[in-house]
Amino acid sequence: MHYGSPAKVVWVQDEPQNMAGWSFIAPLVESTLGIRPVYAGRDSAASPAVGALSVHKVEQADVIRQAFNA
């Protein structure tokens, strides 16, 4: 069964962009499917966590918004 090519692939990750799988998976998805995935997640950072629950909640809500509006 062949489903065709996806119109868009969205990669969602909770960690900052320079951490976790984004830098590894983006080129693989692009070479396999022929389209660059869209990144939905936190901006690059020196730490995997912001250290304040209130800031984390704001960032987490933004990640979810990005995932569904990408």
N, C-alpha and C. Protein backbone atom coordinates (compact mmCIF):
# COMPACT_ATOMS: atom_id res chain seq x y z
N MET A 1 0.84 -1.16 0.00
CA MET A 1 0.00 0.00 0.00
C MET A 1 0.89 1.24 0.00
N HIS A 2 0.58 2.20 -0.80
CA HIS A 2 1.36 3.42 -0.90
C HIS A 2 0.47 4.61 -0.55
N TYR A 3 0.92 5.40 0.39
CA TYR A 3 0.14 6.54 0.86
C TYR A 3 0.56 7.86 0.21
N GLY A 4 1.60 7.84 -0.60
CA GLY A 4 2.08 9.07 -1.21
C GLY A 4 2.99 9.84 -0.27
N SER A 5 3.42 10.98 -0.72
CA SER A 5 4.33 11.81 0.06
C SER A 5 3.54 12.75 0.97
N PRO A 6 4.03 12.96 2.18
CA PRO A 6 3.34 13.91 3.06
C PRO A 6 3.53 15.33 2.55
N ALA A 7 2.56 16.17 2.79
CA ALA A 7 2.66 17.58 2.41
C ALA A 7 3.58 18.33 3.37
N LYS A 8 3.58 17.88 4.62
CA LYS A 8 4.39 18.55 5.64
C LYS A 8 4.70 17.55 6.75
N VAL A 9 5.89 17.66 7.31
CA VAL A 9 6.28 16.88 8.48
C VAL A 9 6.67 17.89 9.55
N VAL A 10 6.10 17.74 10.74
CA VAL A 10 6.41 18.63 11.85
C VAL A 10 7.14 17.81 12.92
N TRP A 11 8.34 18.26 13.29
CA TRP A 11 9.11 17.63 14.35
C TRP A 11 8.90 18.45 15.61
N VAL A 12 8.34 17.83 16.64
CA VAL A 12 8.06 18.51 17.90
C VAL A 12 8.97 17.93 18.97
N GLN A 13 9.66 18.82 19.68
CA GLN A 13 10.49 18.35 20.80
C GLN A 13 10.42 19.35 21.94
N ASP A 14 10.48 18.81 23.13
CA ASP A 14 10.39 19.62 24.35
C ASP A 14 11.71 20.30 24.67
N GLU A 15 12.82 19.64 24.34
CA GLU A 15 14.14 20.22 24.61
C GLU A 15 14.43 21.37 23.65
N PRO A 16 15.40 22.23 23.98
CA PRO A 16 15.78 23.30 23.07
C PRO A 16 16.23 22.75 21.71
N GLN A 17 16.18 23.58 20.70
CA GLN A 17 16.47 23.17 19.32
C GLN A 17 17.87 22.57 19.16
N ASN A 18 18.84 23.07 19.92
CA ASN A 18 20.21 22.56 19.78
C ASN A 18 20.45 21.30 20.61
N MET A 19 19.41 20.74 21.20
CA MET A 19 19.53 19.51 21.98
C MET A 19 18.55 18.49 21.42
N ALA A 20 18.62 17.27 21.91
CA ALA A 20 17.71 16.19 21.49
C ALA A 20 17.93 15.84 20.03
N GLY A 21 16.88 15.44 19.34
CA GLY A 21 17.03 14.81 18.04
C GLY A 21 16.96 15.68 16.80
N TRP A 22 16.57 16.94 16.92
CA TRP A 22 16.32 17.76 15.74
C TRP A 22 17.49 17.78 14.75
N SER A 23 18.68 18.09 15.22
CA SER A 23 19.82 18.23 14.30
C SER A 23 20.18 16.90 13.65
N PHE A 24 19.84 15.80 14.28
CA PHE A 24 20.11 14.48 13.70
C PHE A 24 19.00 14.05 12.75
N ILE A 25 17.76 14.28 13.13
CA ILE A 25 16.64 13.73 12.37
C ILE A 25 16.26 14.59 11.16
N ALA A 26 16.42 15.90 11.23
CA ALA A 26 16.00 16.78 10.14
C ALA A 26 16.63 16.38 8.80
N PRO A 27 17.95 16.18 8.72
CA PRO A 27 18.52 15.78 7.43
C PRO A 27 18.05 14.39 6.97
N LEU A 28 17.82 13.49 7.92
CA LEU A 28 17.34 12.15 7.55
C LEU A 28 15.93 12.19 6.97
N VAL A 29 15.07 12.97 7.59
CA VAL A 29 13.70 13.11 7.07
C VAL A 29 13.73 13.75 5.69
N GLU A 30 14.56 14.77 5.55
CA GLU A 30 14.65 15.47 4.26
C GLU A 30 15.17 14.54 3.16
N SER A 31 16.19 13.76 3.46
CA SER A 31 16.74 12.87 2.42
C SER A 31 15.81 11.70 2.13
N THR A 32 15.05 11.27 3.11
CA THR A 32 14.14 10.15 2.92
C THR A 32 12.85 10.56 2.22
N LEU A 33 12.26 11.66 2.67
CA LEU A 33 10.96 12.08 2.15
C LEU A 33 11.04 13.18 1.10
N GLY A 34 12.19 13.82 1.02
CA GLY A 34 12.36 14.89 0.05
C GLY A 34 11.78 16.22 0.48
N ILE A 35 11.39 16.34 1.73
CA ILE A 35 10.90 17.62 2.25
C ILE A 35 11.58 17.90 3.59
N ARG A 36 11.85 19.15 3.86
CA ARG A 36 12.47 19.54 5.13
C ARG A 36 11.39 19.60 6.19
N PRO A 37 11.60 18.92 7.32
CA PRO A 37 10.59 19.00 8.38
C PRO A 37 10.56 20.39 9.01
N VAL A 38 9.41 20.74 9.54
CA VAL A 38 9.23 21.99 10.25
C VAL A 38 9.53 21.73 11.72
N TYR A 39 10.31 22.60 12.34
CA TYR A 39 10.65 22.46 13.75
C TYR A 39 9.62 23.17 14.62
N ALA A 40 9.11 22.47 15.61
CA ALA A 40 8.23 23.07 16.61
C ALA A 40 8.83 22.77 17.97
N GLY A 41 9.29 23.79 18.65
CA GLY A 41 9.90 23.56 19.96
C GLY A 41 10.54 24.81 20.50
N ARG A 42 11.32 24.61 21.52
CA ARG A 42 11.99 25.73 22.19
C ARG A 42 13.18 26.24 21.36
N ASP A 43 13.50 27.49 21.54
CA ASP A 43 14.68 28.06 20.89
C ASP A 43 15.94 27.41 21.46
N SER A 44 17.05 27.54 20.75
CA SER A 44 18.33 27.02 21.24
C SER A 44 18.67 27.65 22.59
N ALA A 45 19.30 26.86 23.46
CA ALA A 45 19.63 27.35 24.79
C ALA A 45 20.83 26.58 25.33
N ALA A 46 21.49 27.15 26.32
CA ALA A 46 22.64 26.50 26.94
C ALA A 46 22.23 25.43 27.94
N SER A 47 20.98 25.48 28.37
CA SER A 47 20.48 24.53 29.37
C SER A 47 19.21 23.86 28.84
N PRO A 48 18.99 22.60 29.19
CA PRO A 48 17.77 21.93 28.73
C PRO A 48 16.51 22.38 29.47
N ALA A 49 16.66 23.13 30.55
CA ALA A 49 15.50 23.60 31.32
C ALA A 49 15.69 25.07 31.67
N VAL A 50 14.58 25.79 31.79
CA VAL A 50 14.67 27.22 32.09
C VAL A 50 14.88 27.51 33.57
N GLY A 51 14.50 26.58 34.43
CA GLY A 51 14.74 26.75 35.86
C GLY A 51 13.64 27.45 36.63
N ALA A 52 12.59 27.86 35.94
CA ALA A 52 11.46 28.51 36.62
C ALA A 52 10.17 27.91 36.08
N LEU A 53 9.33 27.41 36.95
CA LEU A 53 8.10 26.75 36.53
C LEU A 53 7.21 27.67 35.71
N SER A 54 7.12 28.93 36.11
CA SER A 54 6.25 29.86 35.39
C SER A 54 6.73 30.07 33.95
N VAL A 55 8.03 30.17 33.75
CA VAL A 55 8.59 30.32 32.40
C VAL A 55 8.41 29.03 31.62
N HIS A 56 8.63 27.89 32.28
CA HIS A 56 8.44 26.60 31.63
C HIS A 56 7.02 26.46 31.09
N LYS A 57 6.03 26.84 31.89
CA LYS A 57 4.63 26.73 31.47
C LYS A 57 4.35 27.59 30.24
N VAL A 58 4.90 28.78 30.20
CA VAL A 58 4.72 29.67 29.04
C VAL A 58 5.38 29.05 27.81
N GLU A 59 6.61 28.56 27.97
CA GLU A 59 7.31 27.94 26.84
C GLU A 59 6.60 26.67 26.38
N GLN A 60 6.11 25.87 27.31
CA GLN A 60 5.44 24.63 26.95
C GLN A 60 4.17 24.92 26.16
N ALA A 61 3.42 25.92 26.57
CA ALA A 61 2.22 26.30 25.84
C ALA A 61 2.58 26.75 24.43
N ASP A 62 3.71 27.44 24.28
CA ASP A 62 4.16 27.88 22.96
C ASP A 62 4.56 26.70 22.08
N VAL A 63 5.21 25.69 22.66
CA VAL A 63 5.58 24.49 21.89
C VAL A 63 4.32 23.82 21.35
N ILE A 64 3.30 23.68 22.17
CA ILE A 64 2.05 23.05 21.74
C ILE A 64 1.39 23.89 20.65
N ARG A 65 1.38 25.20 20.82
CA ARG A 65 0.81 26.09 19.80
C ARG A 65 1.54 25.92 18.47
N GLN A 66 2.88 25.90 18.53
CA GLN A 66 3.68 25.73 17.31
C GLN A 66 3.35 24.40 16.63
N ALA A 67 3.21 23.34 17.42
CA ALA A 67 2.98 22.01 16.86
C ALA A 67 1.69 21.96 16.07
N PHE A 68 0.67 22.62 16.54
CA PHE A 68 -0.62 22.54 15.87
C PHE A 68 -0.83 23.64 14.83
N ASN A 69 0.04 24.63 14.82
CA ASN A 69 -0.11 25.73 13.85
C ASN A 69 1.02 25.78 12.83
N ALA A 70 1.88 24.80 12.83
CA ALA A 70 3.03 24.79 11.92
C ALA A 70 2.58 24.57 10.49
